[in-house]
Amino acid sequence: MKNMTREEKIILEIDTNPGIRFRELMKAMKITNGVMSYYIQKLEKSGSVKTERASGVLRLFSNTVKSSDIDIIKFLRISTPKKIMVVLLEEDLLTFKQITEKIQMSPSTTSFYLGKLLQAKILSISNISPKKYTLNHKQKVSNLIVLYHPSIVDSASDNLTDIFSAY
């Protein structure tokens, strides 16, 4: 790593942490805002990295990350949506109350993130009462967790570990 250029180090950090926020990357690399902006613009123009700007937040992705995976990766970087996805991998078709209890978050926080996950089409909800949530693309979510968040699998219950290995 000593002989790597600064650009190569930035690309490696982004490859290791897809969806990393600009400020997180600055902090991890110990580079100032202006210098980091210069490198990100340069890497973006060369096609070495993909960027996504939303609500004043710049997220960075490796150029190898599929566009269809970006939303899932973004939500896996946030604690509560990550918990929701893991719970729904472990046990499909859960009610709002069951999800809230399993992730141990307030109903308002759970509702907020369920709405975001539904909007991003990561989750679906049944039309029958009681409404139950399900995770779309379970295999893709499982693969992305194994690839980018292996600590979840390491600390998972035996049942969840079996689910990850099944996909």
N, C-alpha and C. Protein backbone atom coordinates (compact mmCIF):
# COMPACT_ATOMS: atom_id res chain seq x y z
N MET A 1 0.83 -1.20 0.00
CA MET A 1 0.00 0.00 0.00
C MET A 1 0.87 1.25 0.00
N LYS A 2 2.11 1.12 0.43
CA LYS A 2 3.04 2.26 0.46
C LYS A 2 3.29 2.81 -0.94
N ASN A 3 3.39 1.92 -1.95
CA ASN A 3 3.75 2.35 -3.30
C ASN A 3 2.54 2.77 -4.13
N MET A 4 1.35 2.76 -3.51
CA MET A 4 0.15 3.15 -4.24
C MET A 4 0.05 4.66 -4.34
N THR A 5 -0.51 5.13 -5.47
CA THR A 5 -0.76 6.56 -5.61
C THR A 5 -1.97 6.92 -4.75
N ARG A 6 -2.16 8.20 -4.54
CA ARG A 6 -3.31 8.65 -3.76
C ARG A 6 -4.60 8.23 -4.45
N GLU A 7 -4.64 8.34 -5.77
CA GLU A 7 -5.83 7.93 -6.52
C GLU A 7 -6.12 6.45 -6.30
N GLU A 8 -5.12 5.62 -6.35
CA GLU A 8 -5.29 4.18 -6.15
C GLU A 8 -5.80 3.89 -4.74
N LYS A 9 -5.29 4.62 -3.76
CA LYS A 9 -5.75 4.44 -2.38
C LYS A 9 -7.22 4.83 -2.24
N ILE A 10 -7.62 5.92 -2.90
CA ILE A 10 -9.02 6.37 -2.86
C ILE A 10 -9.91 5.32 -3.52
N ILE A 11 -9.50 4.82 -4.68
CA ILE A 11 -10.28 3.79 -5.38
C ILE A 11 -10.40 2.53 -4.52
N LEU A 12 -9.32 2.12 -3.87
CA LEU A 12 -9.35 0.95 -3.00
C LEU A 12 -10.33 1.15 -1.85
N GLU A 13 -10.32 2.33 -1.25
CA GLU A 13 -11.25 2.64 -0.15
C GLU A 13 -12.70 2.58 -0.64
N ILE A 14 -12.96 3.12 -1.82
CA ILE A 14 -14.32 3.09 -2.38
C ILE A 14 -14.72 1.66 -2.73
N ASP A 15 -13.80 0.88 -3.28
CA ASP A 15 -14.08 -0.53 -3.61
C ASP A 15 -14.43 -1.32 -2.35
N THR A 16 -13.72 -1.03 -1.27
CA THR A 16 -13.91 -1.74 0.00
C THR A 16 -15.19 -1.30 0.70
N ASN A 17 -15.58 -0.04 0.50
CA ASN A 17 -16.75 0.54 1.17
C ASN A 17 -17.70 1.18 0.16
N PRO A 18 -18.34 0.38 -0.70
CA PRO A 18 -19.22 0.99 -1.70
C PRO A 18 -20.35 1.76 -1.04
N GLY A 19 -20.65 2.91 -1.62
CA GLY A 19 -21.69 3.76 -1.06
C GLY A 19 -21.16 4.70 0.01
N ILE A 20 -19.85 4.73 0.19
CA ILE A 20 -19.26 5.60 1.21
C ILE A 20 -19.59 7.05 0.89
N ARG A 21 -19.88 7.81 1.93
CA ARG A 21 -20.16 9.23 1.75
C ARG A 21 -18.85 9.99 1.56
N PHE A 22 -18.95 11.10 0.86
CA PHE A 22 -17.78 11.93 0.59
C PHE A 22 -17.04 12.27 1.88
N ARG A 23 -17.75 12.72 2.89
CA ARG A 23 -17.11 13.12 4.15
C ARG A 23 -16.47 11.94 4.87
N GLU A 24 -17.11 10.78 4.81
CA GLU A 24 -16.52 9.58 5.41
C GLU A 24 -15.20 9.25 4.71
N LEU A 25 -15.20 9.38 3.40
CA LEU A 25 -13.99 9.08 2.62
C LEU A 25 -12.89 10.08 2.96
N MET A 26 -13.26 11.35 3.06
CA MET A 26 -12.29 12.38 3.45
C MET A 26 -11.62 12.03 4.77
N LYS A 27 -12.45 11.66 5.73
CA LYS A 27 -11.96 11.32 7.07
C LYS A 27 -11.07 10.08 7.04
N ALA A 28 -11.52 9.05 6.32
CA ALA A 28 -10.76 7.80 6.25
C ALA A 28 -9.41 8.00 5.57
N MET A 29 -9.38 8.87 4.57
CA MET A 29 -8.16 9.09 3.81
C MET A 29 -7.31 10.23 4.38
N LYS A 30 -7.87 10.97 5.34
CA LYS A 30 -7.18 12.12 5.94
C LYS A 30 -6.78 13.12 4.86
N ILE A 31 -7.76 13.45 4.02
CA ILE A 31 -7.57 14.40 2.93
C ILE A 31 -8.58 15.53 3.10
N THR A 32 -8.16 16.76 2.82
CA THR A 32 -9.05 17.91 2.96
C THR A 32 -10.13 17.91 1.88
N ASN A 33 -11.15 18.69 2.11
CA ASN A 33 -12.30 18.78 1.22
C ASN A 33 -11.88 19.13 -0.21
N GLY A 34 -11.12 20.18 -0.38
CA GLY A 34 -10.72 20.63 -1.70
C GLY A 34 -9.90 19.60 -2.47
N VAL A 35 -8.96 18.98 -1.79
CA VAL A 35 -8.12 17.97 -2.42
C VAL A 35 -8.96 16.74 -2.80
N MET A 36 -9.86 16.33 -1.89
CA MET A 36 -10.72 15.17 -2.18
C MET A 36 -11.64 15.49 -3.36
N SER A 37 -12.19 16.69 -3.40
CA SER A 37 -13.06 17.09 -4.51
C SER A 37 -12.32 16.97 -5.84
N TYR A 38 -11.08 17.43 -5.85
CA TYR A 38 -10.25 17.35 -7.06
C TYR A 38 -10.12 15.89 -7.52
N TYR A 39 -9.77 15.01 -6.60
CA TYR A 39 -9.58 13.60 -6.96
C TYR A 39 -10.88 12.93 -7.38
N ILE A 40 -11.96 13.23 -6.71
CA ILE A 40 -13.25 12.61 -7.06
C ILE A 40 -13.67 13.06 -8.45
N GLN A 41 -13.53 14.34 -8.75
CA GLN A 41 -13.87 14.82 -10.10
C GLN A 41 -13.02 14.13 -11.15
N LYS A 42 -11.75 13.99 -10.87
CA LYS A 42 -10.81 13.34 -11.79
C LYS A 42 -11.19 11.87 -12.00
N LEU A 43 -11.49 11.16 -10.90
CA LEU A 43 -11.85 9.75 -10.98
C LEU A 43 -13.21 9.56 -11.66
N GLU A 44 -14.12 10.49 -11.41
CA GLU A 44 -15.45 10.43 -12.02
C GLU A 44 -15.33 10.62 -13.55
N LYS A 45 -14.54 11.60 -13.97
CA LYS A 45 -14.35 11.86 -15.41
C LYS A 45 -13.69 10.68 -16.11
N SER A 46 -12.77 10.02 -15.43
CA SER A 46 -12.07 8.88 -16.04
C SER A 46 -12.92 7.61 -16.02
N GLY A 47 -14.04 7.64 -15.29
CA GLY A 47 -14.91 6.47 -15.20
C GLY A 47 -14.46 5.45 -14.17
N SER A 48 -13.52 5.84 -13.32
CA SER A 48 -13.01 4.92 -12.30
C SER A 48 -13.97 4.74 -11.14
N VAL A 49 -14.83 5.74 -10.90
CA VAL A 49 -15.82 5.65 -9.83
C VAL A 49 -17.16 6.19 -10.33
N LYS A 50 -18.22 5.72 -9.69
CA LYS A 50 -19.57 6.23 -9.93
C LYS A 50 -19.94 7.08 -8.73
N THR A 51 -20.67 8.15 -8.97
CA THR A 51 -21.14 8.98 -7.86
C THR A 51 -22.65 9.10 -7.92
N GLU A 52 -23.23 9.30 -6.76
CA GLU A 52 -24.66 9.57 -6.67
C GLU A 52 -24.85 10.72 -5.71
N ARG A 53 -25.53 11.73 -6.20
CA ARG A 53 -25.80 12.90 -5.37
C ARG A 53 -27.29 12.94 -5.06
N ALA A 54 -27.62 12.98 -3.78
CA ALA A 54 -29.02 13.04 -3.36
C ALA A 54 -29.10 13.78 -2.03
N SER A 55 -29.99 14.74 -1.96
CA SER A 55 -30.22 15.50 -0.72
C SER A 55 -28.92 16.05 -0.15
N GLY A 56 -28.07 16.56 -0.99
CA GLY A 56 -26.82 17.15 -0.52
C GLY A 56 -25.77 16.14 -0.06
N VAL A 57 -26.00 14.88 -0.34
CA VAL A 57 -25.07 13.83 0.07
C VAL A 57 -24.47 13.19 -1.18
N LEU A 58 -23.15 13.12 -1.23
CA LEU A 58 -22.46 12.48 -2.33
C LEU A 58 -21.99 11.11 -1.87
N ARG A 59 -22.44 10.08 -2.56
CA ARG A 59 -22.02 8.72 -2.27
C ARG A 59 -21.17 8.23 -3.44
N LEU A 60 -20.18 7.42 -3.11
CA LEU A 60 -19.23 6.95 -4.11
C LEU A 60 -19.27 5.44 -4.22
N PHE A 61 -19.18 4.96 -5.46
CA PHE A 61 -19.24 3.54 -5.74
C PHE A 61 -18.14 3.18 -6.73
N SER A 62 -17.69 1.96 -6.65
CA SER A 62 -16.74 1.42 -7.62
C SER A 62 -17.43 1.38 -8.98
N ASN A 63 -16.67 1.49 -10.04
CA ASN A 63 -17.28 1.40 -11.37
C ASN A 63 -17.76 -0.02 -11.69
N THR A 64 -17.41 -0.97 -10.83
CA THR A 64 -17.85 -2.36 -11.04
C THR A 64 -19.21 -2.65 -10.39
N VAL A 65 -19.69 -1.73 -9.55
CA VAL A 65 -20.98 -1.93 -8.89
C VAL A 65 -22.10 -1.73 -9.91
N LYS A 66 -23.00 -2.70 -9.99
CA LYS A 66 -24.13 -2.61 -10.91
C LYS A 66 -25.08 -1.51 -10.44
N SER A 67 -25.62 -0.77 -11.37
CA SER A 67 -26.58 0.29 -11.05
C SER A 67 -27.77 -0.26 -10.28
N SER A 68 -28.18 -1.49 -10.60
CA SER A 68 -29.33 -2.11 -9.93
C SER A 68 -29.04 -2.45 -8.47
N ASP A 69 -27.76 -2.48 -8.08
CA ASP A 69 -27.39 -2.80 -6.70
C ASP A 69 -27.21 -1.57 -5.82
N ILE A 70 -27.13 -0.40 -6.43
CA ILE A 70 -26.78 0.81 -5.69
C ILE A 70 -27.76 1.12 -4.56
N ASP A 71 -29.07 1.05 -4.82
CA ASP A 71 -30.05 1.36 -3.76
C ASP A 71 -29.91 0.40 -2.58
N ILE A 72 -29.74 -0.88 -2.86
CA ILE A 72 -29.60 -1.86 -1.78
C ILE A 72 -28.33 -1.56 -0.98
N ILE A 73 -27.24 -1.31 -1.67
CA ILE A 73 -25.97 -1.02 -0.99
C ILE A 73 -26.10 0.22 -0.11
N LYS A 74 -26.77 1.25 -0.63
CA LYS A 74 -26.96 2.48 0.17
C LYS A 74 -27.68 2.17 1.47
N PHE A 75 -28.77 1.40 1.39
CA PHE A 75 -29.54 1.08 2.59
C PHE A 75 -28.79 0.14 3.53
N LEU A 76 -27.91 -0.69 3.00
CA LEU A 76 -27.11 -1.57 3.86
C LEU A 76 -26.08 -0.77 4.68
N ARG A 77 -25.80 0.45 4.29
CA ARG A 77 -24.86 1.30 5.03
C ARG A 77 -25.55 2.04 6.18
N ILE A 78 -26.88 1.92 6.27
CA ILE A 78 -27.64 2.59 7.32
C ILE A 78 -28.18 1.52 8.27
N SER A 79 -27.96 1.70 9.54
CA SER A 79 -28.24 0.68 10.55
C SER A 79 -29.67 0.12 10.51
N THR A 80 -30.67 0.98 10.59
CA THR A 80 -32.05 0.50 10.70
C THR A 80 -32.52 -0.24 9.44
N PRO A 81 -32.33 0.32 8.24
CA PRO A 81 -32.73 -0.45 7.06
C PRO A 81 -31.97 -1.78 6.93
N LYS A 82 -30.71 -1.78 7.33
CA LYS A 82 -29.93 -3.01 7.29
C LYS A 82 -30.57 -4.05 8.22
N LYS A 83 -30.97 -3.62 9.42
CA LYS A 83 -31.64 -4.54 10.36
C LYS A 83 -32.93 -5.07 9.77
N ILE A 84 -33.70 -4.19 9.13
CA ILE A 84 -34.97 -4.60 8.53
C ILE A 84 -34.73 -5.66 7.45
N MET A 85 -33.76 -5.42 6.59
CA MET A 85 -33.48 -6.38 5.51
C MET A 85 -33.01 -7.72 6.06
N VAL A 86 -32.16 -7.69 7.07
CA VAL A 86 -31.66 -8.94 7.67
C VAL A 86 -32.81 -9.71 8.32
N VAL A 87 -33.67 -9.00 9.04
CA VAL A 87 -34.82 -9.65 9.68
C VAL A 87 -35.73 -10.29 8.64
N LEU A 88 -35.94 -9.59 7.52
CA LEU A 88 -36.81 -10.14 6.48
C LEU A 88 -36.13 -11.25 5.66
N LEU A 89 -34.82 -11.30 5.69
CA LEU A 89 -34.13 -12.46 5.10
C LEU A 89 -34.33 -13.68 5.98
N GLU A 90 -34.27 -13.44 7.28
CA GLU A 90 -34.38 -14.53 8.25
C GLU A 90 -35.81 -15.07 8.31
N GLU A 91 -36.77 -14.18 8.26
CA GLU A 91 -38.17 -14.58 8.39
C GLU A 91 -39.01 -13.71 7.47
N ASP A 92 -39.55 -14.29 6.44
CA ASP A 92 -40.31 -13.56 5.44
C ASP A 92 -41.73 -13.28 5.92
N LEU A 93 -42.35 -12.29 5.31
CA LEU A 93 -43.74 -11.92 5.58
C LEU A 93 -43.99 -11.60 7.05
N LEU A 94 -43.48 -10.45 7.46
CA LEU A 94 -43.66 -9.98 8.83
C LEU A 94 -44.56 -8.75 8.84
N THR A 95 -45.33 -8.63 9.91
CA THR A 95 -46.16 -7.43 10.08
C THR A 95 -45.29 -6.28 10.58
N PHE A 96 -45.84 -5.09 10.52
CA PHE A 96 -45.14 -3.91 11.01
C PHE A 96 -44.73 -4.09 12.47
N LYS A 97 -45.65 -4.59 13.27
CA LYS A 97 -45.38 -4.79 14.69
C LYS A 97 -44.25 -5.79 14.91
N GLN A 98 -44.26 -6.88 14.16
CA GLN A 98 -43.21 -7.89 14.29
C GLN A 98 -41.84 -7.32 13.92
N ILE A 99 -41.80 -6.54 12.84
CA ILE A 99 -40.53 -5.93 12.43
C ILE A 99 -40.04 -4.98 13.50
N THR A 100 -40.92 -4.13 14.01
CA THR A 100 -40.56 -3.17 15.06
C THR A 100 -39.98 -3.88 16.28
N GLU A 101 -40.62 -4.96 16.69
CA GLU A 101 -40.13 -5.72 17.85
C GLU A 101 -38.78 -6.37 17.57
N LYS A 102 -38.63 -6.95 16.39
CA LYS A 102 -37.40 -7.67 16.08
C LYS A 102 -36.19 -6.75 15.92
N ILE A 103 -36.39 -5.56 15.37
CA ILE A 103 -35.25 -4.66 15.19
C ILE A 103 -35.06 -3.73 16.39
N GLN A 104 -36.03 -3.77 17.30
CA GLN A 104 -35.97 -2.99 18.54
C GLN A 104 -35.79 -1.49 18.28
N MET A 105 -36.63 -0.98 17.38
CA MET A 105 -36.64 0.44 17.08
C MET A 105 -38.05 0.96 17.34
N SER A 106 -38.16 2.28 17.43
CA SER A 106 -39.47 2.88 17.66
C SER A 106 -40.35 2.69 16.42
N PRO A 107 -41.67 2.69 16.62
CA PRO A 107 -42.57 2.56 15.47
C PRO A 107 -42.36 3.66 14.43
N SER A 108 -42.07 4.88 14.87
CA SER A 108 -41.89 5.97 13.90
C SER A 108 -40.64 5.76 13.05
N THR A 109 -39.55 5.31 13.67
CA THR A 109 -38.32 5.05 12.92
C THR A 109 -38.53 3.87 11.97
N THR A 110 -39.17 2.83 12.45
CA THR A 110 -39.46 1.67 11.61
C THR A 110 -40.31 2.08 10.42
N SER A 111 -41.36 2.84 10.66
CA SER A 111 -42.26 3.30 9.62
C SER A 111 -41.52 4.13 8.57
N PHE A 112 -40.66 5.03 9.04
CA PHE A 112 -39.90 5.89 8.13
C PHE A 112 -39.07 5.05 7.17
N TYR A 113 -38.31 4.10 7.70
CA TYR A 113 -37.43 3.30 6.86
C TYR A 113 -38.18 2.26 6.03
N LEU A 114 -39.28 1.73 6.54
CA LEU A 114 -40.09 0.83 5.72
C LEU A 114 -40.61 1.58 4.49
N GLY A 115 -41.03 2.82 4.71
CA GLY A 115 -41.49 3.65 3.60
C GLY A 115 -40.40 3.88 2.56
N LYS A 116 -39.20 4.16 3.03
CA LYS A 116 -38.06 4.37 2.12
C LYS A 116 -37.73 3.10 1.34
N LEU A 117 -37.75 1.96 2.03
CA LEU A 117 -37.44 0.68 1.39
C LEU A 117 -38.53 0.28 0.39
N LEU A 118 -39.78 0.60 0.70
CA LEU A 118 -40.88 0.34 -0.23
C LEU A 118 -40.75 1.23 -1.47
N GLN A 119 -40.44 2.50 -1.23
CA GLN A 119 -40.28 3.46 -2.32
C GLN A 119 -39.15 3.03 -3.27
N ALA A 120 -38.07 2.49 -2.71
CA ALA A 120 -36.93 2.01 -3.51
C ALA A 120 -37.19 0.63 -4.11
N LYS A 121 -38.36 0.07 -3.85
CA LYS A 121 -38.75 -1.26 -4.35
C LYS A 121 -37.84 -2.38 -3.85
N ILE A 122 -37.28 -2.18 -2.66
CA ILE A 122 -36.48 -3.22 -2.01
C ILE A 122 -37.41 -4.15 -1.24
N LEU A 123 -38.53 -3.58 -0.76
CA LEU A 123 -39.56 -4.34 -0.06
C LEU A 123 -40.87 -4.27 -0.83
N SER A 124 -41.73 -5.23 -0.54
CA SER A 124 -43.11 -5.21 -1.02
C SER A 124 -44.01 -5.42 0.19
N ILE A 125 -45.26 -5.04 0.04
CA ILE A 125 -46.22 -5.23 1.13
C ILE A 125 -47.44 -5.94 0.56
N SER A 126 -47.97 -6.88 1.33
CA SER A 126 -49.15 -7.63 0.87
C SER A 126 -50.39 -6.75 0.97
N ASN A 127 -51.37 -7.06 0.16
CA ASN A 127 -52.63 -6.29 0.18
C ASN A 127 -53.67 -6.88 1.11
N ILE A 128 -53.36 -8.03 1.67
CA ILE A 128 -54.32 -8.67 2.58
C ILE A 128 -54.03 -8.25 4.02
N SER A 129 -55.07 -8.30 4.83
CA SER A 129 -54.92 -7.88 6.22
C SER A 129 -54.60 -9.10 7.08
N PRO A 130 -53.69 -9.03 8.02
CA PRO A 130 -52.81 -7.88 8.29
C PRO A 130 -51.73 -7.77 7.21
N LYS A 131 -51.38 -6.54 6.89
CA LYS A 131 -50.37 -6.31 5.87
C LYS A 131 -49.02 -6.85 6.35
N LYS A 132 -48.35 -7.53 5.44
CA LYS A 132 -47.06 -8.11 5.77
C LYS A 132 -46.03 -7.67 4.74
N TYR A 133 -44.82 -7.47 5.23
CA TYR A 133 -43.71 -7.02 4.39
C TYR A 133 -42.86 -8.20 3.96
N THR A 134 -42.34 -8.09 2.75
CA THR A 134 -41.43 -9.10 2.23
C THR A 134 -40.28 -8.41 1.51
N LEU A 135 -39.17 -9.06 1.48
CA LEU A 135 -37.97 -8.54 0.85
C LEU A 135 -37.93 -9.00 -0.60
N ASN A 136 -37.82 -8.07 -1.52
CA ASN A 136 -37.67 -8.41 -2.94
C ASN A 136 -36.21 -8.79 -3.17
N HIS A 137 -35.98 -9.64 -4.15
CA HIS A 137 -34.61 -9.98 -4.57
C HIS A 137 -33.76 -10.48 -3.40
N LYS A 138 -34.27 -11.45 -2.69
CA LYS A 138 -33.57 -11.99 -1.51
C LYS A 138 -32.16 -12.44 -1.84
N GLN A 139 -31.99 -13.10 -2.97
CA GLN A 139 -30.66 -13.61 -3.32
C GLN A 139 -29.69 -12.45 -3.53
N LYS A 140 -30.13 -11.40 -4.21
CA LYS A 140 -29.26 -10.25 -4.45
C LYS A 140 -28.88 -9.58 -3.14
N VAL A 141 -29.85 -9.38 -2.25
CA VAL A 141 -29.58 -8.76 -0.95
C VAL A 141 -28.61 -9.62 -0.16
N SER A 142 -28.86 -10.92 -0.13
CA SER A 142 -27.98 -11.84 0.59
C SER A 142 -26.56 -11.79 0.04
N ASN A 143 -26.43 -11.80 -1.28
CA ASN A 143 -25.10 -11.75 -1.91
C ASN A 143 -24.37 -10.44 -1.57
N LEU A 144 -25.09 -9.33 -1.59
CA LEU A 144 -24.47 -8.04 -1.28
C LEU A 144 -24.05 -7.96 0.19
N ILE A 145 -24.82 -8.55 1.07
CA ILE A 145 -24.45 -8.58 2.49
C ILE A 145 -23.18 -9.42 2.66
N VAL A 146 -23.14 -10.58 2.04
CA VAL A 146 -21.95 -11.44 2.14
C VAL A 146 -20.73 -10.74 1.56
N LEU A 147 -20.91 -10.03 0.46
CA LEU A 147 -19.81 -9.37 -0.22
C LEU A 147 -19.29 -8.14 0.53
N TYR A 148 -20.22 -7.30 0.99
CA TYR A 148 -19.80 -6.01 1.56
C TYR A 148 -19.96 -5.88 3.07
N HIS A 149 -20.71 -6.80 3.68
CA HIS A 149 -20.92 -6.75 5.13
C HIS A 149 -20.78 -8.14 5.74
N PRO A 150 -19.64 -8.79 5.56
CA PRO A 150 -19.49 -10.17 6.05
C PRO A 150 -19.62 -10.29 7.57
N SER A 151 -19.42 -9.19 8.28
CA SER A 151 -19.55 -9.25 9.75
C SER A 151 -20.97 -9.60 10.16
N ILE A 152 -21.96 -9.26 9.33
CA ILE A 152 -23.35 -9.62 9.63
C ILE A 152 -23.48 -11.14 9.63
N VAL A 153 -22.87 -11.78 8.65
CA VAL A 153 -22.95 -13.23 8.55
C VAL A 153 -22.18 -13.87 9.70
N ASP A 154 -21.02 -13.32 10.04
CA ASP A 154 -20.20 -13.85 11.12
C ASP A 154 -20.93 -13.83 12.45
N SER A 155 -21.69 -12.75 12.70
CA SER A 155 -22.37 -12.60 13.99
C SER A 155 -23.81 -13.11 13.96
N ALA A 156 -24.23 -13.65 12.82
CA ALA A 156 -25.61 -14.09 12.67
C ALA A 156 -25.89 -15.36 13.45
N SER A 157 -27.17 -15.55 13.72
CA SER A 157 -27.59 -16.80 14.35
C SER A 157 -27.35 -17.94 13.35
N ASP A 158 -27.35 -19.16 13.83
CA ASP A 158 -27.15 -20.32 12.96
C ASP A 158 -28.21 -20.37 11.86
N ASN A 159 -29.45 -20.02 12.23
CA ASN A 159 -30.55 -20.02 11.27
C ASN A 159 -30.27 -19.03 10.14
N LEU A 160 -29.82 -17.84 10.48
CA LEU A 160 -29.54 -16.82 9.47
C LEU A 160 -28.33 -17.20 8.64
N THR A 161 -27.33 -17.78 9.25
CA THR A 161 -26.14 -18.23 8.51
C THR A 161 -26.54 -19.27 7.47
N ASP A 162 -27.46 -20.17 7.84
CA ASP A 162 -27.95 -21.16 6.89
C ASP A 162 -28.67 -20.48 5.72
N ILE A 163 -29.42 -19.43 6.01
CA ILE A 163 -30.13 -18.70 4.96
C ILE A 163 -29.13 -18.06 4.00
N PHE A 164 -28.08 -17.43 4.53
CA PHE A 164 -27.07 -16.81 3.66
C PHE A 164 -26.41 -17.84 2.77
N SER A 165 -26.10 -18.99 3.32
CA SER A 165 -25.41 -20.01 2.53
C SER A 165 -26.36 -20.69 1.53
N ALA A 166 -27.65 -20.57 1.74
CA ALA A 166 -28.63 -21.17 0.82
C ALA A 166 -28.72 -20.39 -0.49
N TYR A 167 -28.37 -19.11 -0.48
CA TYR A 167 -28.48 -18.30 -1.69
C TYR A 167 -27.25 -18.35 -2.49
